[in-house]
Amino acid sequence: MHELAVTQGILDVVIEAAQRNGGRHITAIDLVIGDLSSIVDDSVQFYFDLLSKSTLAEGATLRFRRQAATATCADCQHQFTVGVPLVTTCPQCGSVRLHISGGRDFYVESIEVNDEDSGGAADPQRQ
């Protein structure tokens, strides 16, 4: 359910950026989502479709890029990719002394805008 507030934040950021730069229609938004962030792509897409109606972002494509988390063993320095559920031991030496980094980010990486008025021509093709 927290995706609703997060998606509203995304929409606010991209609309403000587009308006500040003279964009009339947002065509695509690139999002980076960490594997450990608990953000669900489909939920963000669902809320985006609802919230973006009648805005500059209506019909925009959301492109999701997942960011992996990395664990580093404090004993043997072995590095490996982790996800949910988190592993509790190093696969190389069995140590429980793991440092997890990355995989928690969630941000707008870029947006694509059209600075020309679409005149509604592109809207009928988007459902």
N, C-alpha and C. Protein backbone atom coordinates (compact mmCIF):
# COMPACT_ATOMS: atom_id res chain seq x y z
N MET A 1 0.81 -1.19 0.00
CA MET A 1 0.00 0.00 0.00
C MET A 1 0.86 1.26 0.00
N HIS A 2 2.09 1.18 0.48
CA HIS A 2 2.95 2.36 0.49
C HIS A 2 3.31 2.80 -0.92
N GLU A 3 3.05 1.95 -1.91
CA GLU A 3 3.33 2.33 -3.29
C GLU A 3 2.46 3.51 -3.74
N LEU A 4 1.29 3.68 -3.13
CA LEU A 4 0.43 4.82 -3.50
C LEU A 4 1.14 6.13 -3.22
N ALA A 5 1.66 6.30 -2.02
CA ALA A 5 2.36 7.53 -1.66
C ALA A 5 3.65 7.69 -2.47
N VAL A 6 4.35 6.61 -2.68
CA VAL A 6 5.59 6.66 -3.45
C VAL A 6 5.30 7.06 -4.89
N THR A 7 4.25 6.50 -5.46
CA THR A 7 3.90 6.81 -6.84
C THR A 7 3.45 8.26 -6.98
N GLN A 8 2.73 8.77 -5.99
CA GLN A 8 2.34 10.18 -6.01
C GLN A 8 3.58 11.07 -5.98
N GLY A 9 4.57 10.67 -5.20
CA GLY A 9 5.83 11.41 -5.15
C GLY A 9 6.54 11.41 -6.49
N ILE A 10 6.57 10.27 -7.15
CA ILE A 10 7.18 10.16 -8.49
C ILE A 10 6.47 11.12 -9.44
N LEU A 11 5.16 11.06 -9.43
CA LEU A 11 4.38 11.89 -10.33
C LEU A 11 4.64 13.38 -10.08
N ASP A 12 4.67 13.78 -8.83
CA ASP A 12 4.94 15.18 -8.49
C ASP A 12 6.31 15.62 -9.00
N VAL A 13 7.31 14.78 -8.81
CA VAL A 13 8.68 15.11 -9.23
C VAL A 13 8.78 15.24 -10.75
N VAL A 14 8.22 14.29 -11.48
CA VAL A 14 8.38 14.33 -12.94
C VAL A 14 7.56 15.44 -13.58
N ILE A 15 6.39 15.72 -13.04
CA ILE A 15 5.58 16.81 -13.60
C ILE A 15 6.27 18.15 -13.35
N GLU A 16 6.77 18.33 -12.13
CA GLU A 16 7.47 19.59 -11.82
C GLU A 16 8.71 19.76 -12.70
N ALA A 17 9.46 18.68 -12.91
CA ALA A 17 10.66 18.76 -13.75
C ALA A 17 10.29 19.06 -15.20
N ALA A 18 9.25 18.42 -15.69
CA ALA A 18 8.82 18.66 -17.07
C ALA A 18 8.36 20.10 -17.26
N GLN A 19 7.56 20.59 -16.34
CA GLN A 19 7.06 21.97 -16.44
C GLN A 19 8.20 22.97 -16.35
N ARG A 20 9.14 22.72 -15.47
CA ARG A 20 10.27 23.63 -15.30
C ARG A 20 11.11 23.71 -16.58
N ASN A 21 11.10 22.63 -17.36
CA ASN A 21 11.91 22.59 -18.57
C ASN A 21 11.10 22.72 -19.85
N GLY A 22 9.86 23.15 -19.74
CA GLY A 22 9.05 23.43 -20.92
C GLY A 22 8.42 22.21 -21.58
N GLY A 23 8.44 21.08 -20.91
CA GLY A 23 7.82 19.88 -21.48
C GLY A 23 6.31 19.95 -21.39
N ARG A 24 5.65 19.52 -22.45
CA ARG A 24 4.18 19.54 -22.47
C ARG A 24 3.59 18.17 -22.22
N HIS A 25 4.37 17.13 -22.46
CA HIS A 25 3.87 15.77 -22.26
C HIS A 25 5.04 14.86 -21.89
N ILE A 26 4.90 14.12 -20.82
CA ILE A 26 5.91 13.14 -20.41
C ILE A 26 5.61 11.84 -21.13
N THR A 27 6.59 11.33 -21.85
CA THR A 27 6.37 10.11 -22.63
C THR A 27 6.92 8.86 -21.96
N ALA A 28 7.98 9.00 -21.14
CA ALA A 28 8.56 7.83 -20.47
C ALA A 28 9.27 8.27 -19.20
N ILE A 29 9.27 7.37 -18.24
CA ILE A 29 9.94 7.61 -16.95
C ILE A 29 10.76 6.37 -16.63
N ASP A 30 12.06 6.58 -16.39
CA ASP A 30 12.95 5.49 -16.00
C ASP A 30 13.13 5.50 -14.49
N LEU A 31 12.77 4.39 -13.86
CA LEU A 31 12.86 4.26 -12.41
C LEU A 31 13.89 3.20 -12.04
N VAL A 32 14.65 3.47 -11.00
CA VAL A 32 15.59 2.50 -10.44
C VAL A 32 15.01 2.07 -9.10
N ILE A 33 14.85 0.76 -8.94
CA ILE A 33 14.26 0.22 -7.73
C ILE A 33 15.17 -0.88 -7.18
N GLY A 34 15.61 -0.70 -5.96
CA GLY A 34 16.45 -1.69 -5.31
C GLY A 34 15.67 -2.95 -4.97
N ASP A 35 16.31 -4.09 -5.13
CA ASP A 35 15.66 -5.37 -4.84
C ASP A 35 15.23 -5.50 -3.38
N LEU A 36 15.86 -4.74 -2.48
CA LEU A 36 15.51 -4.82 -1.07
C LEU A 36 14.55 -3.71 -0.64
N SER A 37 14.07 -2.91 -1.57
CA SER A 37 13.25 -1.74 -1.24
C SER A 37 11.81 -2.08 -0.90
N SER A 38 11.35 -3.25 -1.20
CA SER A 38 9.97 -3.72 -1.00
C SER A 38 8.98 -3.01 -1.91
N ILE A 39 9.45 -2.30 -2.91
CA ILE A 39 8.57 -1.65 -3.89
C ILE A 39 8.20 -2.69 -4.95
N VAL A 40 6.91 -2.80 -5.26
CA VAL A 40 6.42 -3.76 -6.24
C VAL A 40 6.11 -3.02 -7.53
N ASP A 41 6.79 -3.41 -8.61
CA ASP A 41 6.64 -2.74 -9.90
C ASP A 41 5.17 -2.65 -10.35
N ASP A 42 4.45 -3.76 -10.28
CA ASP A 42 3.06 -3.78 -10.74
C ASP A 42 2.18 -2.82 -9.95
N SER A 43 2.45 -2.68 -8.66
CA SER A 43 1.67 -1.75 -7.84
C SER A 43 1.96 -0.31 -8.23
N VAL A 44 3.24 0.00 -8.46
CA VAL A 44 3.60 1.35 -8.91
C VAL A 44 2.92 1.64 -10.24
N GLN A 45 2.94 0.68 -11.16
CA GLN A 45 2.30 0.87 -12.47
C GLN A 45 0.80 1.11 -12.31
N PHE A 46 0.16 0.31 -11.47
CA PHE A 46 -1.28 0.45 -11.23
C PHE A 46 -1.62 1.84 -10.71
N TYR A 47 -0.93 2.26 -9.67
CA TYR A 47 -1.21 3.58 -9.09
C TYR A 47 -0.84 4.71 -10.06
N PHE A 48 0.23 4.52 -10.81
CA PHE A 48 0.63 5.55 -11.77
C PHE A 48 -0.46 5.75 -12.82
N ASP A 49 -1.01 4.66 -13.32
CA ASP A 49 -2.06 4.76 -14.32
C ASP A 49 -3.27 5.53 -13.78
N LEU A 50 -3.59 5.32 -12.52
CA LEU A 50 -4.72 6.04 -11.91
C LEU A 50 -4.40 7.50 -11.64
N LEU A 51 -3.26 7.75 -11.01
CA LEU A 51 -2.91 9.10 -10.57
C LEU A 51 -2.53 10.04 -11.72
N SER A 52 -2.03 9.47 -12.81
CA SER A 52 -1.55 10.33 -13.90
C SER A 52 -2.64 10.79 -14.85
N LYS A 53 -3.86 10.28 -14.69
CA LYS A 53 -4.95 10.71 -15.57
C LYS A 53 -5.11 12.23 -15.53
N SER A 54 -5.26 12.80 -16.70
CA SER A 54 -5.45 14.26 -16.87
C SER A 54 -4.24 15.08 -16.40
N THR A 55 -3.05 14.49 -16.44
CA THR A 55 -1.82 15.22 -16.12
C THR A 55 -0.88 15.15 -17.32
N LEU A 56 0.24 15.84 -17.22
CA LEU A 56 1.26 15.78 -18.27
C LEU A 56 1.82 14.38 -18.46
N ALA A 57 1.65 13.53 -17.46
CA ALA A 57 2.23 12.19 -17.51
C ALA A 57 1.25 11.11 -17.95
N GLU A 58 0.03 11.49 -18.25
CA GLU A 58 -0.94 10.47 -18.66
C GLU A 58 -0.44 9.73 -19.89
N GLY A 59 -0.46 8.42 -19.83
CA GLY A 59 -0.02 7.59 -20.94
C GLY A 59 1.48 7.36 -21.00
N ALA A 60 2.23 7.94 -20.10
CA ALA A 60 3.69 7.75 -20.10
C ALA A 60 4.03 6.29 -19.79
N THR A 61 5.12 5.84 -20.37
CA THR A 61 5.62 4.49 -20.12
C THR A 61 6.54 4.51 -18.92
N LEU A 62 6.30 3.62 -17.98
CA LEU A 62 7.23 3.45 -16.86
C LEU A 62 8.19 2.33 -17.21
N ARG A 63 9.47 2.61 -17.09
CA ARG A 63 10.50 1.58 -17.34
C ARG A 63 11.23 1.34 -16.03
N PHE A 64 11.16 0.11 -15.57
CA PHE A 64 11.73 -0.26 -14.28
C PHE A 64 13.10 -0.92 -14.49
N ARG A 65 14.07 -0.49 -13.70
CA ARG A 65 15.38 -1.14 -13.69
C ARG A 65 15.65 -1.54 -12.24
N ARG A 66 15.79 -2.82 -12.04
CA ARG A 66 16.05 -3.35 -10.70
C ARG A 66 17.52 -3.24 -10.36
N GLN A 67 17.81 -2.89 -9.12
CA GLN A 67 19.18 -2.75 -8.63
C GLN A 67 19.41 -3.83 -7.57
N ALA A 68 20.41 -4.65 -7.80
CA ALA A 68 20.71 -5.75 -6.88
C ALA A 68 21.43 -5.25 -5.64
N ALA A 69 21.32 -6.03 -4.59
CA ALA A 69 22.07 -5.77 -3.37
C ALA A 69 23.28 -6.71 -3.37
N THR A 70 24.33 -6.28 -2.69
CA THR A 70 25.56 -7.07 -2.61
C THR A 70 25.91 -7.32 -1.15
N ALA A 71 26.31 -8.55 -0.88
CA ALA A 71 26.81 -8.89 0.45
C ALA A 71 28.31 -9.10 0.36
N THR A 72 29.01 -8.64 1.38
CA THR A 72 30.45 -8.86 1.48
C THR A 72 30.72 -9.54 2.82
N CYS A 73 31.43 -10.63 2.76
CA CYS A 73 31.77 -11.36 3.98
C CYS A 73 32.93 -10.65 4.68
N ALA A 74 32.76 -10.37 5.95
CA ALA A 74 33.79 -9.68 6.73
C ALA A 74 34.98 -10.59 7.01
N ASP A 75 34.80 -11.90 6.90
CA ASP A 75 35.89 -12.83 7.19
C ASP A 75 36.73 -13.19 5.96
N CYS A 76 36.06 -13.53 4.86
CA CYS A 76 36.83 -13.98 3.68
C CYS A 76 36.78 -12.98 2.52
N GLN A 77 36.03 -11.89 2.68
CA GLN A 77 35.89 -10.82 1.67
C GLN A 77 35.15 -11.27 0.40
N HIS A 78 34.53 -12.43 0.44
CA HIS A 78 33.74 -12.90 -0.70
C HIS A 78 32.55 -11.96 -0.91
N GLN A 79 32.31 -11.53 -2.16
CA GLN A 79 31.17 -10.69 -2.50
C GLN A 79 30.20 -11.48 -3.35
N PHE A 80 28.91 -11.29 -3.07
CA PHE A 80 27.89 -11.99 -3.84
C PHE A 80 26.58 -11.20 -3.80
N THR A 81 25.76 -11.44 -4.80
CA THR A 81 24.48 -10.77 -4.92
C THR A 81 23.47 -11.43 -3.99
N VAL A 82 22.68 -10.59 -3.33
CA VAL A 82 21.65 -11.12 -2.43
C VAL A 82 20.30 -10.51 -2.79
N GLY A 83 19.27 -11.21 -2.38
CA GLY A 83 17.91 -10.74 -2.57
C GLY A 83 17.09 -11.09 -1.35
N VAL A 84 15.79 -11.03 -1.52
CA VAL A 84 14.88 -11.36 -0.43
C VAL A 84 14.40 -12.79 -0.65
N PRO A 85 14.46 -13.63 0.36
CA PRO A 85 14.95 -13.37 1.71
C PRO A 85 16.48 -13.31 1.74
N LEU A 86 16.99 -12.51 2.65
CA LEU A 86 18.43 -12.36 2.77
C LEU A 86 19.06 -13.64 3.29
N VAL A 87 20.22 -13.96 2.76
CA VAL A 87 20.98 -15.10 3.27
C VAL A 87 21.63 -14.68 4.59
N THR A 88 21.86 -15.64 5.45
CA THR A 88 22.42 -15.32 6.76
C THR A 88 23.87 -15.77 6.91
N THR A 89 24.37 -16.51 5.91
CA THR A 89 25.75 -16.97 5.99
C THR A 89 26.44 -16.82 4.63
N CYS A 90 27.74 -16.67 4.69
CA CYS A 90 28.55 -16.58 3.48
C CYS A 90 28.57 -17.95 2.80
N PRO A 91 28.27 -18.02 1.51
CA PRO A 91 28.29 -19.30 0.82
C PRO A 91 29.70 -19.88 0.65
N GLN A 92 30.71 -19.05 0.81
CA GLN A 92 32.08 -19.53 0.63
C GLN A 92 32.69 -20.06 1.93
N CYS A 93 32.49 -19.34 3.05
CA CYS A 93 33.16 -19.77 4.30
C CYS A 93 32.20 -20.07 5.45
N GLY A 94 30.91 -19.74 5.28
CA GLY A 94 29.93 -20.01 6.32
C GLY A 94 29.83 -18.94 7.40
N SER A 95 30.59 -17.87 7.30
CA SER A 95 30.56 -16.80 8.29
C SER A 95 29.19 -16.11 8.30
N VAL A 96 28.80 -15.65 9.48
CA VAL A 96 27.56 -14.88 9.60
C VAL A 96 27.85 -13.38 9.60
N ARG A 97 29.10 -13.01 9.46
CA ARG A 97 29.49 -11.59 9.47
C ARG A 97 29.43 -11.03 8.05
N LEU A 98 28.24 -10.64 7.66
CA LEU A 98 27.99 -10.13 6.31
C LEU A 98 27.63 -8.66 6.36
N HIS A 99 28.15 -7.92 5.39
CA HIS A 99 27.79 -6.51 5.23
C HIS A 99 26.98 -6.40 3.93
N ILE A 100 25.76 -5.90 4.04
CA ILE A 100 24.87 -5.75 2.88
C ILE A 100 24.93 -4.31 2.40
N SER A 101 25.11 -4.13 1.09
CA SER A 101 25.12 -2.78 0.53
C SER A 101 24.28 -2.75 -0.74
N GLY A 102 23.74 -1.58 -1.03
CA GLY A 102 22.94 -1.40 -2.24
C GLY A 102 21.58 -2.08 -2.12
N GLY A 103 20.83 -1.98 -3.19
CA GLY A 103 19.55 -2.66 -3.27
C GLY A 103 18.41 -1.99 -2.53
N ARG A 104 18.64 -0.82 -1.97
CA ARG A 104 17.58 -0.13 -1.21
C ARG A 104 17.12 1.15 -1.91
N ASP A 105 17.78 1.50 -2.99
CA ASP A 105 17.47 2.76 -3.68
C ASP A 105 16.11 2.70 -4.35
N PHE A 106 15.55 3.87 -4.52
CA PHE A 106 14.34 4.04 -5.31
C PHE A 106 14.34 5.48 -5.80
N TYR A 107 14.52 5.68 -7.09
CA TYR A 107 14.57 7.04 -7.61
C TYR A 107 14.23 7.10 -9.08
N VAL A 108 13.89 8.32 -9.53
CA VAL A 108 13.66 8.58 -10.95
C VAL A 108 15.02 8.81 -11.57
N GLU A 109 15.38 7.96 -12.51
CA GLU A 109 16.67 8.09 -13.18
C GLU A 109 16.60 9.11 -14.31
N SER A 110 15.52 9.08 -15.06
CA SER A 110 15.36 10.05 -16.14
C SER A 110 13.91 10.09 -16.59
N ILE A 111 13.59 11.16 -17.29
CA ILE A 111 12.26 11.27 -17.91
C ILE A 111 12.44 11.72 -19.35
N GLU A 112 11.52 11.28 -20.17
CA GLU A 112 11.48 11.73 -21.57
C GLU A 112 10.24 12.59 -21.72
N VAL A 113 10.42 13.76 -22.31
CA VAL A 113 9.30 14.67 -22.51
C VAL A 113 9.21 15.10 -23.96
N ASN A 114 8.02 15.46 -24.34
CA ASN A 114 7.77 16.04 -25.64
C ASN A 114 7.43 17.50 -25.37
N ASP A 115 8.17 18.40 -25.99
CA ASP A 115 7.93 19.82 -25.73
C ASP A 115 6.95 20.43 -26.72
N GLU A 116 6.40 19.59 -27.59
CA GLU A 116 5.37 20.06 -28.52
C GLU A 116 4.03 19.58 -28.02
N ASP A 117 3.01 20.39 -28.24
CA ASP A 117 1.67 20.00 -27.85
C ASP A 117 1.24 18.83 -28.73
N SER A 118 0.83 17.74 -28.11
CA SER A 118 0.46 16.56 -28.87
C SER A 118 -0.86 16.75 -29.61
N GLY A 119 -1.65 17.74 -29.19
CA GLY A 119 -2.92 18.00 -29.87
C GLY A 119 -3.88 16.84 -29.77
N GLY A 120 -3.59 15.88 -28.86
CA GLY A 120 -4.49 14.75 -28.67
C GLY A 120 -4.24 13.62 -29.65
N ALA A 121 -3.34 13.80 -30.61
CA ALA A 121 -3.13 12.78 -31.64
C ALA A 121 -2.62 11.47 -31.06
N ALA A 122 -1.78 11.54 -30.07
CA ALA A 122 -1.20 10.31 -29.52
C ALA A 122 -2.12 9.69 -28.47
N ASP A 123 -3.04 10.45 -27.90
CA ASP A 123 -3.86 9.93 -26.81
C ASP A 123 -4.78 8.76 -27.21
N PRO A 124 -5.42 8.79 -28.39
CA PRO A 124 -6.31 7.67 -28.71
C PRO A 124 -5.57 6.32 -28.82
N GLN A 125 -4.28 6.36 -29.08
CA GLN A 125 -3.55 5.12 -29.21
C GLN A 125 -3.16 4.54 -27.84
N ARG A 126 -3.22 5.31 -26.82
CA ARG A 126 -2.88 4.86 -25.46
C ARG A 126 -4.17 4.50 -24.72
N GLN A 127 -4.21 3.35 -24.16
CA GLN A 127 -5.39 2.94 -23.36
C GLN A 127 -4.96 2.54 -22.00
